[in-house]
Amino acid sequence: MSTVLIVVALVVVFAAVVAAVLYVGPGKASGRRGRGLKRRFGPEYERTVALHDGDTKAAERELAERVTRHGDLRPRPLSREAREQYVALWAGLQEQFVDAPRQAVAEADRLLARLAEDRGFPAASAYEEQVAALSVHHAHYVDGYRRVHRTARADAGTGTSAGTGAGTEELRAAMVDARRLFEALVTAQPEDHARHAPRRPAARGHRVHAPWPKGSGA
């Protein structure tokens, strides 16, 4: 075999090897993206798939769009004074729940919206966009915010005098779920949001989990 043919053969083989290494088929790329989104969003991934009636591709497109819009958001830190004020306000809501659970849930909804806005998330007036951003950075806790928001709106729509709103146990469950996001927002530092695995939000010396008042049953 001539030198020219040998060189040509080597070039062809080298090109084939490079192509095999670099080429990733659409199915493999999609699968890899899906696994990444599952790790990042956790329960939010399953919730979004269910909302799309099991269509994982549609769900992954929606989640990927959220990351594109909000993935670069860097939450602002709270001052020590602001943090202490928020902790006191939430503790007050837990005390208020004993005598006025519906009002406590409605105020918890507003408090979370304001806290998220203070941390640099979209404005409280843009609820859906605020939740979308929170889902990117607090995927394991954001559904608690949705729950307390739904409960507060349902009671506002039915009126408490009719007796058709949420029961006390449902209201309490909504508060407990929402508290997880509250703790994450009030204690997490900006660098914590680069990590997408769930973590205990309250560090030693900064406990924000005020117990439910005696007699509340929670």
Protein backbone atom coordinates (compact mmCIF):
# COMPACT_ATOMS: atom_id res chain seq x y z
CA MET A 1 0.00 0.00 0.00
CA SER A 2 1.34 3.42 -0.95
CA THR A 3 2.05 6.09 1.60
CA VAL A 4 -0.79 8.22 0.23
CA LEU A 5 -3.34 5.43 0.70
CA ILE A 6 -2.11 4.78 4.23
CA VAL A 7 -2.49 8.47 5.12
CA VAL A 8 -5.99 8.59 3.60
CA ALA A 9 -7.01 5.45 5.51
CA LEU A 10 -5.73 6.89 8.78
CA VAL A 11 -7.59 10.15 8.19
CA VAL A 12 -10.84 8.26 7.52
CA VAL A 13 -10.45 6.14 10.65
CA PHE A 14 -9.61 9.18 12.77
CA ALA A 15 -12.65 11.07 11.45
CA ALA A 16 -14.91 8.11 12.23
CA VAL A 17 -13.59 7.87 15.79
CA VAL A 18 -14.06 11.60 16.39
CA ALA A 19 -17.59 11.47 15.01
CA ALA A 20 -18.47 8.52 17.22
CA VAL A 21 -17.17 10.31 20.30
CA LEU A 22 -18.79 13.68 19.60
CA TYR A 23 -22.11 12.58 18.14
CA VAL A 24 -25.00 12.31 20.58
CA GLY A 25 -28.34 11.31 19.09
CA PRO A 26 -31.49 13.34 19.84
CA GLY A 27 -32.84 10.63 22.10
CA LYS A 28 -29.70 10.55 24.23
CA ALA A 29 -29.59 14.34 24.49
CA SER A 30 -33.24 14.48 25.49
CA GLY A 31 -32.75 11.76 28.08
CA ARG A 32 -29.77 13.53 29.56
CA ARG A 33 -31.68 16.81 29.79
CA GLY A 34 -34.62 15.02 31.41
CA ARG A 35 -32.39 13.50 34.09
CA GLY A 36 -30.86 16.91 34.78
CA LEU A 37 -34.29 18.50 35.16
CA LYS A 38 -35.44 15.69 37.45
CA ARG A 39 -32.45 16.25 39.71
CA ARG A 40 -32.95 20.00 39.73
CA PHE A 41 -36.72 20.12 40.23
CA GLY A 42 -37.44 16.95 42.21
CA PRO A 43 -41.17 16.85 43.10
CA GLU A 44 -41.78 19.89 40.89
CA TYR A 45 -40.76 17.78 37.89
CA GLU A 46 -43.39 15.13 38.67
CA ARG A 47 -46.01 17.80 39.33
CA THR A 48 -45.34 19.46 35.96
CA VAL A 49 -45.49 16.14 34.11
CA ALA A 50 -48.86 15.43 35.75
CA LEU A 51 -50.15 18.87 34.72
CA HIS A 52 -49.20 18.00 31.15
CA ASP A 53 -51.12 14.69 31.38
CA GLY A 54 -47.94 12.62 31.38
CA ASP A 55 -46.34 14.38 28.42
CA THR A 56 -42.74 14.49 29.65
CA LYS A 57 -41.46 16.39 26.61
CA ALA A 58 -43.97 19.21 27.14
CA ALA A 59 -43.21 19.28 30.86
CA GLU A 60 -39.47 19.40 30.25
CA ARG A 61 -39.90 22.25 27.75
CA GLU A 62 -41.78 24.23 30.39
CA LEU A 63 -39.19 23.54 33.09
CA ALA A 64 -36.32 24.36 30.74
CA GLU A 65 -38.00 27.68 29.90
CA ARG A 66 -38.25 28.48 33.61
CA VAL A 67 -34.52 27.84 34.02
CA THR A 68 -33.79 30.09 31.03
CA ARG A 69 -35.89 32.92 32.50
CA HIS A 70 -34.91 32.63 36.15
CA GLY A 71 -31.83 30.44 36.44
CA ASP A 72 -29.44 33.41 36.60
CA LEU A 73 -31.41 35.15 39.34
CA ARG A 74 -29.23 35.81 42.39
CA PRO A 75 -31.44 36.34 45.46
CA ARG A 76 -30.64 39.35 47.61
CA PRO A 77 -29.63 38.74 51.22
CA LEU A 78 -31.82 40.00 54.03
CA SER A 79 -30.43 42.31 56.64
CA ARG A 80 -30.34 40.98 60.18
CA GLU A 81 -33.11 43.38 61.15
CA ALA A 82 -35.35 42.33 58.25
CA ARG A 83 -34.78 38.66 59.00
CA GLU A 84 -35.70 39.10 62.67
CA GLN A 85 -38.79 41.06 61.69
CA TYR A 86 -39.99 38.35 59.30
CA VAL A 87 -39.38 35.64 61.92
CA ALA A 88 -41.41 37.62 64.46
CA LEU A 89 -44.22 38.16 61.96
CA TRP A 90 -44.46 34.46 61.14
CA ALA A 91 -44.45 33.52 64.83
CA GLY A 92 -47.28 35.99 65.29
CA LEU A 93 -49.27 34.33 62.52
CA GLN A 94 -48.88 30.96 64.23
CA GLU A 95 -50.25 32.49 67.43
CA GLN A 96 -53.06 34.14 65.48
CA PHE A 97 -54.01 30.83 63.88
CA VAL A 98 -55.57 29.58 67.13
CA ASP A 99 -58.32 32.19 67.12
CA ALA A 100 -58.44 33.26 63.47
CA PRO A 101 -57.06 30.49 61.19
CA ARG A 102 -58.49 31.87 57.96
CA GLN A 103 -57.06 35.32 58.54
CA ALA A 104 -53.70 33.79 59.51
CA VAL A 105 -53.54 31.81 56.26
CA ALA A 106 -54.44 34.85 54.16
CA GLU A 107 -51.75 36.92 55.87
CA ALA A 108 -49.22 34.08 55.52
CA ASP A 109 -49.86 34.12 51.78
CA ARG A 110 -49.17 37.86 51.62
CA LEU A 111 -46.13 37.58 53.89
CA LEU A 112 -44.52 34.92 51.70
CA ALA A 113 -45.15 37.01 48.58
CA ARG A 114 -43.52 40.06 50.19
CA LEU A 115 -40.58 38.05 51.53
CA ALA A 116 -39.92 36.52 48.10
CA GLU A 117 -40.01 39.98 46.51
CA ASP A 118 -37.62 41.32 49.15
CA ARG A 119 -35.22 38.48 48.32
CA GLY A 120 -35.17 39.61 44.68
CA PHE A 121 -37.76 37.31 43.12
CA PRO A 122 -40.43 38.76 40.79
CA ALA A 123 -42.94 41.16 42.33
CA ALA A 124 -45.73 39.85 44.54
CA SER A 125 -48.24 41.30 42.07
CA ALA A 126 -46.96 38.85 39.42
CA TYR A 127 -47.86 35.68 41.31
CA GLU A 128 -47.39 33.13 38.51
CA GLU A 129 -44.00 34.52 37.52
CA GLN A 130 -42.93 34.71 41.16
CA VAL A 131 -43.85 31.05 41.67
CA ALA A 132 -42.05 30.05 38.48
CA ALA A 133 -38.87 31.73 39.71
CA LEU A 134 -39.22 30.20 43.16
CA SER A 135 -39.65 26.76 41.60
CA VAL A 136 -36.24 27.10 39.94
CA HIS A 137 -34.47 27.98 43.20
CA HIS A 138 -36.68 26.30 45.83
CA ALA A 139 -38.26 23.40 43.96
CA HIS A 140 -38.71 21.26 47.07
CA TYR A 141 -40.67 23.93 48.96
CA VAL A 142 -42.55 26.03 46.41
CA ASP A 143 -45.69 23.89 46.39
CA GLY A 144 -46.33 24.93 49.99
CA TYR A 145 -46.66 28.50 48.77
CA ARG A 146 -49.10 27.37 46.08
CA ARG A 147 -51.15 25.55 48.67
CA VAL A 148 -51.46 28.45 51.09
CA HIS A 149 -52.23 30.78 48.16
CA ARG A 150 -54.98 28.48 46.83
CA THR A 151 -56.46 28.09 50.29
CA ALA A 152 -56.44 31.82 50.96
CA ARG A 153 -58.06 32.58 47.60
CA ALA A 154 -60.66 29.84 48.02
CA ASP A 155 -61.72 31.24 51.38
CA ALA A 156 -61.76 34.78 50.01
CA GLY A 157 -64.00 33.59 47.18
CA THR A 158 -66.49 31.66 49.31
CA GLY A 159 -66.56 33.93 52.33
CA THR A 160 -66.19 32.64 55.86
CA SER A 161 -69.78 33.26 56.90
CA ALA A 162 -71.08 30.68 54.44
CA GLY A 163 -69.04 27.96 56.12
CA THR A 164 -68.01 26.49 52.78
CA GLY A 165 -64.33 27.37 52.92
CA ALA A 166 -61.44 25.15 53.93
CA GLY A 167 -61.69 23.37 57.27
CA THR A 168 -59.31 24.03 60.13
CA GLU A 169 -57.18 20.95 59.40
CA GLU A 170 -56.78 21.97 55.76
CA LEU A 171 -55.84 25.48 56.82
CA ARG A 172 -53.29 24.15 59.31
CA ALA A 173 -51.78 21.82 56.69
CA ALA A 174 -51.44 24.75 54.30
CA MET A 175 -49.62 26.79 56.95
CA VAL A 176 -47.26 23.92 57.76
CA ASP A 177 -46.39 23.42 54.08
CA ALA A 178 -45.90 27.15 53.52
CA ARG A 179 -43.60 27.41 56.53
CA ARG A 180 -41.00 25.26 54.77
CA LEU A 181 -40.61 27.84 52.02
CA PHE A 182 -40.66 30.65 54.58
CA GLU A 183 -37.76 29.06 56.47
CA ALA A 184 -35.78 28.55 53.27
CA LEU A 185 -36.30 32.15 52.16
CA VAL A 186 -35.62 33.75 55.51
CA THR A 187 -32.40 31.87 56.23
CA ALA A 188 -30.80 30.87 52.91
CA GLN A 189 -27.84 32.91 51.70
CA PRO A 190 -27.49 33.74 47.96
CA GLU A 191 -24.83 31.07 47.39
CA ASP A 192 -27.17 28.40 48.73
CA HIS A 193 -29.33 28.71 45.61
CA ALA A 194 -26.59 27.25 43.44
CA ARG A 195 -27.29 23.95 45.15
CA HIS A 196 -30.54 22.36 44.11
CA ALA A 197 -30.75 19.51 46.60
CA PRO A 198 -33.03 20.07 49.62
CA ARG A 199 -31.34 21.14 52.80
CA ARG A 200 -32.21 22.08 56.36
CA PRO A 201 -32.71 25.84 56.05
CA ALA A 202 -32.20 26.86 59.67
CA ALA A 203 -28.62 26.95 60.84
CA ARG A 204 -27.60 26.65 64.47
CA GLY A 205 -28.27 29.89 66.26
CA HIS A 206 -30.90 30.98 63.70
CA ARG A 207 -33.87 28.76 64.39
CA VAL A 208 -37.02 30.15 62.81
CA HIS A 209 -39.31 27.23 63.48
CA ALA A 210 -41.50 28.63 66.19
CA PRO A 211 -43.69 25.81 67.55
CA TRP A 212 -47.40 25.92 66.94
CA PRO A 213 -49.22 27.38 69.92
CA LYS A 214 -50.42 24.96 72.55
CA GLY A 215 -53.86 23.73 71.65
CA SER A 216 -53.48 24.24 67.90
CA GLY A 217 -53.04 20.52 67.33
CA ALA A 218 -50.16 20.89 64.88
